[in-house]
Amino acid sequence: MSSNHAVEILLVEDSPQDLELTLRALRKANLANRIHVARDGAEALEFMFCEGAYAARTIEDTPKVILLDLKLPKVDGLEVLRRLKGEPRTKATPVVVLTSSKEQRDLVESYHLGVNSYIVKPVNFEQFTQAVLELGMYWLLLNQRPGGER
């Protein structure tokens, strides 16, 4: 059973500009209430697997969606995705890659590893806000989770 303070979105982003842009877009879409930001892949994995600074978390309190950049320090986004989708406790958590990478191999590898969606960050703030709004509406409000949770 999740607590009322459970994180709904785990945002994994190391670029201060992209982080601010994403948070602004989430706020504009009224989706900024329960977000946790991880600034590198190692922190994202510690958060999800309740290790290190996040040892007090319970793994059952998984976010409704993870927004994952691919180009990350310490542990890159593809490795984070590989670990999350390879672990039964986190495999069902939806992961949306939100990246500036237009590399075909990143796209193919992400889907091969089990990503739920792959979005290339648009430069235009209005387009980006619209993409985040639609993303949030879908993953936070419409997507059905196992056990009937929304």
C-alpha atoms as a PDB file:
ATOM      1  CA  MET A   1       0.000   0.000   0.000  1.00  0.00           C
ATOM      2  CA  SER A   2       1.540   3.308  -1.055  1.00  0.00           C
ATOM      3  CA  SER A   3       1.605   6.263   1.273  1.00  0.00           C
ATOM      4  CA  ASN A   4       0.067   9.601   0.336  1.00  0.00           C
ATOM      5  CA  HIS A   5       3.570  11.027   0.110  1.00  0.00           C
ATOM      6  CA  ALA A   6       4.755   8.494  -2.467  1.00  0.00           C
ATOM      7  CA  VAL A   7       6.769   9.916  -5.328  1.00  0.00           C
ATOM      8  CA  GLU A   8       4.745   9.901  -8.540  1.00  0.00           C
ATOM      9  CA  ILE A   9       7.548  10.859 -10.914  1.00  0.00           C
ATOM     10  CA  LEU A  10      11.240  10.068 -10.716  1.00  0.00           C
ATOM     11  CA  LEU A  11      13.008  12.561 -12.964  1.00  0.00           C
ATOM     12  CA  VAL A  12      16.568  11.505 -13.832  1.00  0.00           C
ATOM     13  CA  GLU A  13      18.335  14.484 -15.397  1.00  0.00           C
ATOM     14  CA  ASP A  14      21.833  15.927 -14.980  1.00  0.00           C
ATOM     15  CA  SER A  15      21.545  19.071 -17.123  1.00  0.00           C
ATOM     16  CA  PRO A  16      20.454  22.053 -14.979  1.00  0.00           C
ATOM     17  CA  GLN A  17      18.812  23.699 -18.016  1.00  0.00           C
ATOM     18  CA  ASP A  18      16.870  20.575 -19.042  1.00  0.00           C
ATOM     19  CA  LEU A  19      15.948  19.933 -15.409  1.00  0.00           C
ATOM     20  CA  GLU A  20      14.526  23.454 -15.012  1.00  0.00           C
ATOM     21  CA  LEU A  21      12.710  23.186 -18.347  1.00  0.00           C
ATOM     22  CA  THR A  22      11.153  19.838 -17.415  1.00  0.00           C
ATOM     23  CA  LEU A  23      10.134  21.012 -13.918  1.00  0.00           C
ATOM     24  CA  ARG A  24       8.627  24.182 -15.402  1.00  0.00           C
ATOM     25  CA  ALA A  25       6.665  22.124 -17.930  1.00  0.00           C
ATOM     26  CA  LEU A  26       5.465  19.756 -15.171  1.00  0.00           C
ATOM     27  CA  ARG A  27       4.407  22.712 -13.003  1.00  0.00           C
ATOM     28  CA  LYS A  28       2.543  24.264 -15.925  1.00  0.00           C
ATOM     29  CA  ALA A  29       0.731  20.937 -16.386  1.00  0.00           C
ATOM     30  CA  ASN A  30       0.000  20.799 -12.606  1.00  0.00           C
ATOM     31  CA  LEU A  31       2.049  17.606 -12.325  1.00  0.00           C
ATOM     32  CA  ALA A  32       4.872  18.891 -10.129  1.00  0.00           C
ATOM     33  CA  ASN A  33       3.581  17.801  -6.729  1.00  0.00           C
ATOM     34  CA  ARG A  34       5.435  14.589  -6.023  1.00  0.00           C
ATOM     35  CA  ILE A  35       8.612  14.530  -8.058  1.00  0.00           C
ATOM     36  CA  HIS A  36      11.990  13.255  -6.978  1.00  0.00           C
ATOM     37  CA  VAL A  37      14.999  14.388  -8.974  1.00  0.00           C
ATOM     38  CA  ALA A  38      18.077  12.204  -9.384  1.00  0.00           C
ATOM     39  CA  ARG A  39      21.022  13.968 -11.030  1.00  0.00           C
ATOM     40  CA  ASP A  40      22.873  10.859 -12.199  1.00  0.00           C
ATOM     41  CA  GLY A  41      22.225   7.208 -12.960  1.00  0.00           C
ATOM     42  CA  ALA A  42      23.787   5.941  -9.717  1.00  0.00           C
ATOM     43  CA  GLU A  43      21.428   8.087  -7.629  1.00  0.00           C
ATOM     44  CA  ALA A  44      18.436   6.895  -9.684  1.00  0.00           C
ATOM     45  CA  LEU A  45      19.342   3.263  -8.999  1.00  0.00           C
ATOM     46  CA  GLU A  46      19.901   3.929  -5.280  1.00  0.00           C
ATOM     47  CA  PHE A  47      16.482   5.611  -5.129  1.00  0.00           C
ATOM     48  CA  MET A  48      14.680   2.800  -6.965  1.00  0.00           C
ATOM     49  CA  PHE A  49      16.428  -0.015  -5.092  1.00  0.00           C
ATOM     50  CA  CYS A  50      16.276   1.741  -1.679  1.00  0.00           C
ATOM     51  CA  GLU A  51      20.030   1.779  -1.163  1.00  0.00           C
ATOM     52  CA  GLY A  52      22.516   4.295   0.229  1.00  0.00           C
ATOM     53  CA  ALA A  53      20.826   7.608   1.085  1.00  0.00           C
ATOM     54  CA  TYR A  54      17.446   6.025   0.225  1.00  0.00           C
ATOM     55  CA  ALA A  55      17.712   2.941   2.443  1.00  0.00           C
ATOM     56  CA  ALA A  56      14.691   4.129   4.473  1.00  0.00           C
ATOM     57  CA  ARG A  57      12.384   4.006   1.421  1.00  0.00           C
ATOM     58  CA  THR A  58      10.296   0.927   0.754  1.00  0.00           C
ATOM     59  CA  ILE A  59      10.603  -0.568  -2.701  1.00  0.00           C
ATOM     60  CA  GLU A  60       6.804  -0.886  -2.881  1.00  0.00           C
ATOM     61  CA  ASP A  61       6.614   2.925  -3.075  1.00  0.00           C
ATOM     62  CA  THR A  62       7.639   2.956  -6.711  1.00  0.00           C
ATOM     63  CA  PRO A  63       6.965   6.044  -8.813  1.00  0.00           C
ATOM     64  CA  LYS A  64       4.125   5.911 -11.331  1.00  0.00           C
ATOM     65  CA  VAL A  65       6.603   6.797 -14.057  1.00  0.00           C
ATOM     66  CA  ILE A  66      10.333   7.404 -14.487  1.00  0.00           C
ATOM     67  CA  LEU A  67      11.484  10.149 -16.855  1.00  0.00           C
ATOM     68  CA  LEU A  68      14.994   9.102 -17.805  1.00  0.00           C
ATOM     69  CA  ASP A  69      17.693  10.995 -19.657  1.00  0.00           C
ATOM     70  CA  LEU A  70      20.225   8.765 -21.452  1.00  0.00           C
ATOM     71  CA  LYS A  71      23.376  10.870 -21.238  1.00  0.00           C
ATOM     72  CA  LEU A  72      24.067  10.702 -17.488  1.00  0.00           C
ATOM     73  CA  PRO A  73      27.189  10.782 -15.318  1.00  0.00           C
ATOM     74  CA  LYS A  74      28.290   7.765 -13.221  1.00  0.00           C
ATOM     75  CA  VAL A  75      25.801   5.279 -14.723  1.00  0.00           C
ATOM     76  CA  ASP A  76      24.325   6.029 -18.146  1.00  0.00           C
ATOM     77  CA  GLY A  77      20.595   5.915 -18.871  1.00  0.00           C
ATOM     78  CA  LEU A  78      20.720   2.684 -20.873  1.00  0.00           C
ATOM     79  CA  GLU A  79      22.390   0.898 -17.941  1.00  0.00           C
ATOM     80  CA  VAL A  80      19.777   2.331 -15.542  1.00  0.00           C
ATOM     81  CA  LEU A  81      17.054   1.039 -17.881  1.00  0.00           C
ATOM     82  CA  ARG A  82      18.766  -2.369 -18.157  1.00  0.00           C
ATOM     83  CA  ARG A  83      18.937  -2.712 -14.341  1.00  0.00           C
ATOM     84  CA  LEU A  84      15.350  -1.539 -13.746  1.00  0.00           C
ATOM     85  CA  LYS A  85      13.824  -3.802 -16.391  1.00  0.00           C
ATOM     86  CA  GLY A  86      16.017  -6.739 -15.333  1.00  0.00           C
ATOM     87  CA  GLU A  87      14.786  -6.643 -11.721  1.00  0.00           C
ATOM     88  CA  PRO A  88      11.363  -8.229 -10.984  1.00  0.00           C
ATOM     89  CA  ARG A  89      10.543  -5.613  -8.301  1.00  0.00           C
ATOM     90  CA  THR A  90      10.960  -2.651 -10.690  1.00  0.00           C
ATOM     91  CA  LYS A  91      10.323  -4.267 -14.081  1.00  0.00           C
ATOM     92  CA  ALA A  92       6.687  -3.079 -14.291  1.00  0.00           C
ATOM     93  CA  THR A  93       7.482   0.590 -13.501  1.00  0.00           C
ATOM     94  CA  PRO A  94       6.927   2.589 -16.704  1.00  0.00           C
ATOM     95  CA  VAL A  95      10.070   4.275 -18.006  1.00  0.00           C
ATOM     96  CA  VAL A  96       9.943   7.136 -20.497  1.00  0.00           C
ATOM     97  CA  VAL A  97      13.254   8.094 -22.057  1.00  0.00           C
ATOM     98  CA  LEU A  98      13.343  11.872 -22.376  1.00  0.00           C
ATOM     99  CA  THR A  99      16.551  12.654 -24.229  1.00  0.00           C
ATOM    100  CA  SER A 100      18.221  14.925 -26.714  1.00  0.00           C
ATOM    101  CA  SER A 101      19.730  11.828 -28.374  1.00  0.00           C
ATOM    102  CA  LYS A 102      18.484  11.240 -31.893  1.00  0.00           C
ATOM    103  CA  GLU A 103      20.862   8.286 -32.245  1.00  0.00           C
ATOM    104  CA  GLN A 104      19.023   5.362 -33.852  1.00  0.00           C
ATOM    105  CA  ARG A 105      21.037   2.860 -31.787  1.00  0.00           C
ATOM    106  CA  ASP A 106      19.906   4.551 -28.510  1.00  0.00           C
ATOM    107  CA  LEU A 107      16.288   4.315 -29.666  1.00  0.00           C
ATOM    108  CA  VAL A 108      16.604   0.661 -30.721  1.00  0.00           C
ATOM    109  CA  GLU A 109      18.522  -0.315 -27.560  1.00  0.00           C
ATOM    110  CA  SER A 110      15.987   1.472 -25.324  1.00  0.00           C
ATOM    111  CA  TYR A 111      13.086  -0.481 -26.820  1.00  0.00           C
ATOM    112  CA  HIS A 112      15.129  -3.685 -26.737  1.00  0.00           C
ATOM    113  CA  LEU A 113      15.627  -3.122 -22.980  1.00  0.00           C
ATOM    114  CA  GLY A 114      11.909  -2.555 -22.408  1.00  0.00           C
ATOM    115  CA  VAL A 115      11.386   1.226 -22.389  1.00  0.00           C
ATOM    116  CA  ASN A 116       7.711   2.251 -22.491  1.00  0.00           C
ATOM    117  CA  SER A 117       8.203   5.405 -24.529  1.00  0.00           C
ATOM    118  CA  TYR A 118      11.061   7.332 -26.167  1.00  0.00           C
ATOM    119  CA  ILE A 119      10.773  11.087 -26.576  1.00  0.00           C
ATOM    120  CA  VAL A 120      13.396  13.334 -28.144  1.00  0.00           C
ATOM    121  CA  LYS A 121      13.394  16.651 -26.290  1.00  0.00           C
ATOM    122  CA  PRO A 122      12.145  19.418 -28.545  1.00  0.00           C
ATOM    123  CA  VAL A 123      13.958  22.731 -28.323  1.00  0.00           C
ATOM    124  CA  ASN A 124      10.724  24.715 -28.395  1.00  0.00           C
ATOM    125  CA  PHE A 125       9.353  25.198 -24.848  1.00  0.00           C
ATOM    126  CA  GLU A 126       5.693  25.183 -25.939  1.00  0.00           C
ATOM    127  CA  GLN A 127       6.123  21.868 -27.773  1.00  0.00           C
ATOM    128  CA  PHE A 128       7.984  20.471 -24.795  1.00  0.00           C
ATOM    129  CA  THR A 129       5.286  21.626 -22.356  1.00  0.00           C
ATOM    130  CA  GLN A 130       2.619  20.009 -24.530  1.00  0.00           C
ATOM    131  CA  ALA A 131       4.609  16.744 -24.677  1.00  0.00           C
ATOM    132  CA  VAL A 132       5.050  16.729 -20.877  1.00  0.00           C
ATOM    133  CA  LEU A 133       1.351  17.510 -20.347  1.00  0.00           C
ATOM    134  CA  GLU A 134       0.284  14.612 -22.563  1.00  0.00           C
ATOM    135  CA  LEU A 135       2.868  12.350 -20.955  1.00  0.00           C
ATOM    136  CA  GLY A 136       1.676  13.235 -17.449  1.00  0.00           C
ATOM    137  CA  MET A 137      -1.982  12.895 -18.331  1.00  0.00           C
ATOM    138  CA  TYR A 138      -1.349   9.448 -19.730  1.00  0.00           C
ATOM    139  CA  TRP A 139       1.056   7.950 -17.184  1.00  0.00           C
ATOM    140  CA  LEU A 140      -0.334   9.572 -14.031  1.00  0.00           C
ATOM    141  CA  LEU A 141      -4.050   9.624 -14.799  1.00  0.00           C
ATOM    142  CA  LEU A 142      -4.957   7.085 -17.471  1.00  0.00           C
ATOM    143  CA  ASN A 143      -2.430   4.261 -17.317  1.00  0.00           C
ATOM    144  CA  GLN A 144      -3.680   1.214 -15.411  1.00  0.00           C
ATOM    145  CA  ARG A 145      -1.151  -0.414 -13.083  1.00  0.00           C
ATOM    146  CA  PRO A 146      -1.149  -4.025 -11.892  1.00  0.00           C
ATOM    147  CA  GLY A 147      -3.495  -4.478  -8.950  1.00  0.00           C
ATOM    148  CA  GLY A 148      -5.951  -1.878 -10.290  1.00  0.00           C
ATOM    149  CA  GLU A 149      -3.885   1.059  -8.992  1.00  0.00           C
ATOM    150  CA  ARG A 150      -3.828   4.241 -10.995  1.00  0.00           C
END
